[in-house]
Amino acid sequence: VAFLPTGAVALGVHIKNKLVVLDKVLF
């Protein structure tokens, strides 16, 4: 339960910093 908001915020930060290849995330 604690991981859900933490993970969501971390993913948002990584997307903002262009550290996530969005077209491959679904895989």
PDB file of all heavy atoms in Angstrom:
ATOM      1  N   VAL A   1       0.837  -1.202   0.000  1.00  0.00           N
ATOM      2  CA  VAL A   1       0.000   0.000   0.000  1.00  0.00           C
ATOM      3  C   VAL A   1       0.876   1.258   0.000  1.00  0.00           C
ATOM      4  O   VAL A   1       0.587   2.226  -0.704  1.00  0.00           O
ATOM      5  CB  VAL A   1      -0.979  -0.016   1.198  1.00  0.00           C
ATOM      6  CG1 VAL A   1      -1.669   1.316   1.370  1.00  0.00           C
ATOM      7  CG2 VAL A   1      -2.012  -1.122   1.014  1.00  0.00           C
ATOM      8  N   ALA A   2       1.950   1.247   0.761  1.00  0.00           N
ATOM      9  CA  ALA A   2       2.862   2.392   0.805  1.00  0.00           C
ATOM     10  C   ALA A   2       3.602   2.558  -0.518  1.00  0.00           C
ATOM     11  O   ALA A   2       3.964   3.673  -0.906  1.00  0.00           O
ATOM     12  CB  ALA A   2       3.862   2.223   1.937  1.00  0.00           C
ATOM     13  N   PHE A   3       3.803   1.459  -1.240  1.00  0.00           N
ATOM     14  CA  PHE A   3       4.544   1.516  -2.499  1.00  0.00           C
ATOM     15  C   PHE A   3       3.758   2.215  -3.607  1.00  0.00           C
ATOM     16  O   PHE A   3       4.354   2.860  -4.469  1.00  0.00           O
ATOM     17  CB  PHE A   3       4.926   0.103  -2.954  1.00  0.00           C
ATOM     18  CG  PHE A   3       5.578   0.082  -4.309  1.00  0.00           C
ATOM     19  CD1 PHE A   3       6.897   0.467  -4.453  1.00  0.00           C
ATOM     20  CD2 PHE A   3       4.867  -0.285  -5.426  1.00  0.00           C
ATOM     21  CE1 PHE A   3       7.503   0.465  -5.698  1.00  0.00           C
ATOM     22  CE2 PHE A   3       5.461  -0.293  -6.675  1.00  0.00           C
ATOM     23  CZ  PHE A   3       6.785   0.094  -6.814  1.00  0.00           C
ATOM     24  N   LEU A   4       2.450   2.098  -3.587  1.00  0.00           N
ATOM     25  CA  LEU A   4       1.651   2.656  -4.680  1.00  0.00           C
ATOM     26  C   LEU A   4       1.882   4.153  -4.883  1.00  0.00           C
ATOM     27  O   LEU A   4       2.254   4.563  -5.989  1.00  0.00           O
ATOM     28  CB  LEU A   4       0.168   2.343  -4.479  1.00  0.00           C
ATOM     29  CG  LEU A   4      -0.193   0.856  -4.594  1.00  0.00           C
ATOM     30  CD1 LEU A   4      -1.662   0.641  -4.242  1.00  0.00           C
ATOM     31  CD2 LEU A   4       0.092   0.336  -5.988  1.00  0.00           C
ATOM     32  N   PRO A   5       1.716   5.011  -3.870  1.00  0.00           N
ATOM     33  CA  PRO A   5       1.985   6.429  -4.120  1.00  0.00           C
ATOM     34  C   PRO A   5       3.466   6.719  -4.361  1.00  0.00           C
ATOM     35  O   PRO A   5       3.817   7.560  -5.189  1.00  0.00           O
ATOM     36  CB  PRO A   5       1.486   7.127  -2.851  1.00  0.00           C
ATOM     37  CG  PRO A   5       1.407   6.074  -1.812  1.00  0.00           C
ATOM     38  CD  PRO A   5       1.179   4.775  -2.531  1.00  0.00           C
ATOM     39  N   THR A   6       4.333   5.998  -3.656  1.00  0.00           N
ATOM     40  CA  THR A   6       5.769   6.201  -3.839  1.00  0.00           C
ATOM     41  C   THR A   6       6.186   5.871  -5.268  1.00  0.00           C
ATOM     42  O   THR A   6       6.919   6.624  -5.913  1.00  0.00           O
ATOM     43  CB  THR A   6       6.568   5.322  -2.854  1.00  0.00           C
ATOM     44  OG1 THR A   6       6.110   5.580  -1.536  1.00  0.00           O
ATOM     45  CG2 THR A   6       8.046   5.591  -2.945  1.00  0.00           C
ATOM     46  N   GLY A   7       5.712   4.730  -5.760  1.00  0.00           N
ATOM     47  CA  GLY A   7       6.039   4.313  -7.126  1.00  0.00           C
ATOM     48  C   GLY A   7       5.460   5.257  -8.172  1.00  0.00           C
ATOM     49  O   GLY A   7       6.109   5.564  -9.175  1.00  0.00           O
ATOM     50  N   ALA A   8       4.248   5.738  -7.935  1.00  0.00           N
ATOM     51  CA  ALA A   8       3.620   6.662  -8.883  1.00  0.00           C
ATOM     52  C   ALA A   8       4.404   7.972  -8.976  1.00  0.00           C
ATOM     53  O   ALA A   8       4.654   8.485 -10.080  1.00  0.00           O
ATOM     54  CB  ALA A   8       2.176   6.926  -8.474  1.00  0.00           C
ATOM     55  N   VAL A   9       4.821   8.490  -7.831  1.00  0.00           N
ATOM     56  CA  VAL A   9       5.604   9.732  -7.827  1.00  0.00           C
ATOM     57  C   VAL A   9       6.955   9.508  -8.497  1.00  0.00           C
ATOM     58  O   VAL A   9       7.402  10.318  -9.317  1.00  0.00           O
ATOM     59  CB  VAL A   9       5.785  10.265  -6.386  1.00  0.00           C
ATOM     60  CG1 VAL A   9       6.796  11.400  -6.341  1.00  0.00           C
ATOM     61  CG2 VAL A   9       4.443  10.718  -5.829  1.00  0.00           C
ATOM     62  N   ALA A  10       7.605   8.397  -8.169  1.00  0.00           N
ATOM     63  CA  ALA A  10       8.917   8.104  -8.773  1.00  0.00           C
ATOM     64  C   ALA A  10       8.801   7.958 -10.286  1.00  0.00           C
ATOM     65  O   ALA A  10       9.637   8.482 -11.030  1.00  0.00           O
ATOM     66  CB  ALA A  10       9.496   6.835  -8.162  1.00  0.00           C
ATOM     67  N   LEU A  11       7.762   7.272 -10.752  1.00  0.00           N
ATOM     68  CA  LEU A  11       7.571   7.126 -12.198  1.00  0.00           C
ATOM     69  C   LEU A  11       7.350   8.480 -12.851  1.00  0.00           C
ATOM     70  O   LEU A  11       7.916   8.763 -13.912  1.00  0.00           O
ATOM     71  CB  LEU A  11       6.387   6.185 -12.483  1.00  0.00           C
ATOM     72  CG  LEU A  11       6.095   5.916 -13.959  1.00  0.00           C
ATOM     73  CD1 LEU A  11       7.294   5.280 -14.651  1.00  0.00           C
ATOM     74  CD2 LEU A  11       4.863   5.028 -14.092  1.00  0.00           C
ATOM     75  N   GLY A  12       6.556   9.333 -12.196  1.00  0.00           N
ATOM     76  CA  GLY A  12       6.331  10.685 -12.738  1.00  0.00           C
ATOM     77  C   GLY A  12       7.618  11.482 -12.858  1.00  0.00           C
ATOM     78  O   GLY A  12       7.860  12.146 -13.863  1.00  0.00           O
ATOM     79  N   VAL A  13       8.459  11.396 -11.830  1.00  0.00           N
ATOM     80  CA  VAL A  13       9.741  12.111 -11.852  1.00  0.00           C
ATOM     81  C   VAL A  13      10.637  11.569 -12.960  1.00  0.00           C
ATOM     82  O   VAL A  13      11.261  12.333 -13.705  1.00  0.00           O
ATOM     83  CB  VAL A  13      10.452  12.011 -10.480  1.00  0.00           C
ATOM     84  CG1 VAL A  13      11.888  12.510 -10.556  1.00  0.00           C
ATOM     85  CG2 VAL A  13       9.663  12.778  -9.430  1.00  0.00           C
ATOM     86  N   HIS A  14      10.681  10.244 -13.112  1.00  0.00           N
ATOM     87  CA  HIS A  14      11.528   9.656 -14.152  1.00  0.00           C
ATOM     88  C   HIS A  14      11.018   9.997 -15.558  1.00  0.00           C
ATOM     89  O   HIS A  14      11.817  10.225 -16.471  1.00  0.00           O
ATOM     90  CB  HIS A  14      11.618   8.135 -13.977  1.00  0.00           C
ATOM     91  CG  HIS A  14      12.422   7.724 -12.776  1.00  0.00           C
ATOM     92  ND1 HIS A  14      13.633   8.268 -12.459  1.00  0.00           N
ATOM     93  CD2 HIS A  14      12.174   6.800 -11.812  1.00  0.00           C
ATOM     94  CE1 HIS A  14      14.114   7.721 -11.367  1.00  0.00           C
ATOM     95  NE2 HIS A  14      13.235   6.828 -10.945  1.00  0.00           N
ATOM     96  N   ILE A  15       9.702  10.052 -15.728  1.00  0.00           N
ATOM     97  CA  ILE A  15       9.146  10.448 -17.036  1.00  0.00           C
ATOM     98  C   ILE A  15       9.487  11.908 -17.318  1.00  0.00           C
ATOM     99  O   ILE A  15       9.901  12.263 -18.426  1.00  0.00           O
ATOM    100  CB  ILE A  15       7.620  10.205 -17.070  1.00  0.00           C
ATOM    101  CG1 ILE A  15       7.336   8.703 -17.121  1.00  0.00           C
ATOM    102  CG2 ILE A  15       6.982  10.912 -18.263  1.00  0.00           C
ATOM    103  CD1 ILE A  15       5.871   8.336 -16.977  1.00  0.00           C
ATOM    104  N   LYS A  16       9.337  12.759 -16.308  1.00  0.00           N
ATOM    105  CA  LYS A  16       9.656  14.187 -16.459  1.00  0.00           C
ATOM    106  C   LYS A  16      11.124  14.388 -16.845  1.00  0.00           C
ATOM    107  O   LYS A  16      11.455  15.249 -17.649  1.00  0.00           O
ATOM    108  CB  LYS A  16       9.350  14.915 -15.153  1.00  0.00           C
ATOM    109  CG  LYS A  16       9.655  16.396 -15.184  1.00  0.00           C
ATOM    110  CD  LYS A  16       9.388  17.033 -13.838  1.00  0.00           C
ATOM    111  CE  LYS A  16       9.895  18.455 -13.839  1.00  0.00           C
ATOM    112  NZ  LYS A  16       9.918  19.025 -12.508  1.00  0.00           N
ATOM    113  N   ASN A  17      12.004  13.580 -16.264  1.00  0.00           N
ATOM    114  CA  ASN A  17      13.439  13.683 -16.555  1.00  0.00           C
ATOM    115  C   ASN A  17      13.850  12.895 -17.794  1.00  0.00           C
ATOM    116  O   ASN A  17      15.037  12.743 -18.054  1.00  0.00           O
ATOM    117  CB  ASN A  17      14.244  13.221 -15.342  1.00  0.00           C
ATOM    118  CG  ASN A  17      14.109  14.169 -14.175  1.00  0.00           C
ATOM    119  OD1 ASN A  17      13.913  15.365 -14.361  1.00  0.00           O
ATOM    120  ND2 ASN A  17      14.198  13.652 -12.969  1.00  0.00           N
ATOM    121  N   LYS A  18      12.852  12.412 -18.531  1.00  0.00           N
ATOM    122  CA  LYS A  18      13.076  11.668 -19.786  1.00  0.00           C
ATOM    123  C   LYS A  18      13.970  10.439 -19.584  1.00  0.00           C
ATOM    124  O   LYS A  18      14.816  10.121 -20.411  1.00  0.00           O
ATOM    125  CB  LYS A  18      13.639  12.583 -20.854  1.00  0.00           C
ATOM    126  CG  LYS A  18      12.691  13.724 -21.214  1.00  0.00           C
ATOM    127  CD  LYS A  18      13.229  14.558 -22.336  1.00  0.00           C
ATOM    128  CE  LYS A  18      12.411  15.719 -22.749  1.00  0.00           C
ATOM    129  NZ  LYS A  18      11.182  16.058 -22.221  1.00  0.00           N
ATOM    130  N   LEU A  19      13.759   9.747 -18.454  1.00  0.00           N
ATOM    131  CA  LEU A  19      14.508   8.535 -18.161  1.00  0.00           C
ATOM    132  C   LEU A  19      13.705   7.277 -18.470  1.00  0.00           C
ATOM    133  O   LEU A  19      14.166   6.174 -18.204  1.00  0.00           O
ATOM    134  CB  LEU A  19      14.941   8.533 -16.689  1.00  0.00           C
ATOM    135  CG  LEU A  19      15.877   9.669 -16.277  1.00  0.00           C
ATOM    136  CD1 LEU A  19      16.072   9.685 -14.763  1.00  0.00           C
ATOM    137  CD2 LEU A  19      17.207   9.550 -16.988  1.00  0.00           C
ATOM    138  N   VAL A  20      12.505   7.450 -19.013  1.00  0.00           N
ATOM    139  CA  VAL A  20      11.630   6.328 -19.318  1.00  0.00           C
ATOM    140  C   VAL A  20      11.342   6.333 -20.814  1.00  0.00           C
ATOM    141  O   VAL A  20      10.962   7.356 -21.381  1.00  0.00           O
ATOM    142  CB  VAL A  20      10.299   6.433 -18.532  1.00  0.00           C
ATOM    143  CG1 VAL A  20       9.350   5.313 -18.917  1.00  0.00           C
ATOM    144  CG2 VAL A  20      10.565   6.418 -17.039  1.00  0.00           C
ATOM    145  N   VAL A  21      11.553   5.194 -21.457  1.00  0.00           N
ATOM    146  CA  VAL A  21      11.217   5.039 -22.865  1.00  0.00           C
ATOM    147  C   VAL A  21       9.742   4.643 -22.915  1.00  0.00           C
ATOM    148  O   VAL A  21       9.384   3.483 -22.695  1.00  0.00           O
ATOM    149  CB  VAL A  21      12.110   3.965 -23.539  1.00  0.00           C
ATOM    150  CG1 VAL A  21      11.773   3.841 -25.013  1.00  0.00           C
ATOM    151  CG2 VAL A  21      13.576   4.304 -23.340  1.00  0.00           C
ATOM    152  N   LEU A  22       8.875   5.624 -23.161  1.00  0.00           N
ATOM    153  CA  LEU A  22       7.431   5.436 -23.017  1.00  0.00           C
ATOM    154  C   LEU A  22       6.850   4.362 -23.930  1.00  0.00           C
ATOM    155  O   LEU A  22       5.932   3.648 -23.535  1.00  0.00           O
ATOM    156  CB  LEU A  22       6.702   6.759 -23.237  1.00  0.00           C
ATOM    157  CG  LEU A  22       6.907   7.787 -22.134  1.00  0.00           C
ATOM    158  CD1 LEU A  22       6.267   9.116 -22.505  1.00  0.00           C
ATOM    159  CD2 LEU A  22       6.334   7.290 -20.821  1.00  0.00           C
ATOM    160  N   ASP A  23       7.384   4.220 -25.138  1.00  0.00           N
ATOM    161  CA  ASP A  23       6.813   3.217 -26.055  1.00  0.00           C
ATOM    162  C   ASP A  23       7.132   1.782 -25.628  1.00  0.00           C
ATOM    163  O   ASP A  23       6.535   0.844 -26.124  1.00  0.00           O
ATOM    164  CB  ASP A  23       7.253   3.476 -27.495  1.00  0.00           C
ATOM    165  CG  ASP A  23       8.758   3.415 -27.685  1.00  0.00           C
ATOM    166  OD1 ASP A  23       9.485   3.641 -26.709  1.00  0.00           O
ATOM    167  OD2 ASP A  23       9.197   3.163 -28.824  1.00  0.00           O
ATOM    168  N   LYS A  24       8.033   1.607 -24.670  1.00  0.00           N
ATOM    169  CA  LYS A  24       8.374   0.259 -24.208  1.00  0.00           C
ATOM    170  C   LYS A  24       7.866  -0.024 -22.792  1.00  0.00           C
ATOM    171  O   LYS A  24       8.027  -1.129 -22.287  1.00  0.00           O
ATOM    172  CB  LYS A  24       9.882   0.052 -24.271  1.00  0.00           C
ATOM    173  CG  LYS A  24      10.380   0.142 -25.702  1.00  0.00           C
ATOM    174  CD  LYS A  24      11.814  -0.202 -25.842  1.00  0.00           C
ATOM    175  CE  LYS A  24      12.160  -0.070 -27.316  1.00  0.00           C
ATOM    176  NZ  LYS A  24      13.492  -0.382 -27.615  1.00  0.00           N
ATOM    177  N   VAL A  25       7.255   0.967 -22.169  1.00  0.00           N
ATOM    178  CA  VAL A  25       6.798   0.814 -20.787  1.00  0.00           C
ATOM    179  C   VAL A  25       5.732  -0.267 -20.664  1.00  0.00           C
ATOM    180  O   VAL A  25       5.748  -1.065 -19.730  1.00  0.00           O
ATOM    181  CB  VAL A  25       6.285   2.163 -20.231  1.00  0.00           C
ATOM    182  CG1 VAL A  25       5.478   1.980 -18.973  1.00  0.00           C
ATOM    183  CG2 VAL A  25       7.450   3.088 -19.975  1.00  0.00           C
ATOM    184  N   LEU A  26       4.796  -0.323 -21.604  1.00  0.00           N
ATOM    185  CA  LEU A  26       3.714  -1.310 -21.516  1.00  0.00           C
ATOM    186  C   LEU A  26       4.232  -2.740 -21.527  1.00  0.00           C
ATOM    187  O   LEU A  26       3.658  -3.608 -20.890  1.00  0.00           O
ATOM    188  CB  LEU A  26       2.700  -1.106 -22.641  1.00  0.00           C
ATOM    189  CG  LEU A  26       1.771   0.095 -22.477  1.00  0.00           C
ATOM    190  CD1 LEU A  26       0.833   0.203 -23.668  1.00  0.00           C
ATOM    191  CD2 LEU A  26       0.997   0.018 -21.189  1.00  0.00           C
ATOM    192  N   PHE A  27       5.318  -2.974 -22.247  1.00  0.00           N
ATOM    193  CA  PHE A  27       5.887  -4.322 -22.292  1.00  0.00           C
ATOM    194  C   PHE A  27       6.451  -4.740 -20.940  1.00  0.00           C
ATOM    195  O   PHE A  27       6.631  -5.924 -20.669  1.00  0.00           O
ATOM    196  CB  PHE A  27       6.977  -4.426 -23.365  1.00  0.00           C
ATOM    197  CG  PHE A  27       6.447  -4.293 -24.758  1.00  0.00           C
ATOM    198  CD1 PHE A  27       6.731  -3.170 -25.517  1.00  0.00           C
ATOM    199  CD2 PHE A  27       5.642  -5.276 -25.301  1.00  0.00           C
ATOM    200  CE1 PHE A  27       6.240  -3.040 -26.800  1.00  0.00           C
ATOM    201  CE2 PHE A  27       5.138  -5.158 -26.581  1.00  0.00           C
ATOM    202  CZ  PHE A  27       5.434  -4.038 -27.332  1.00  0.00           C
TER     203      PHE A  27
END
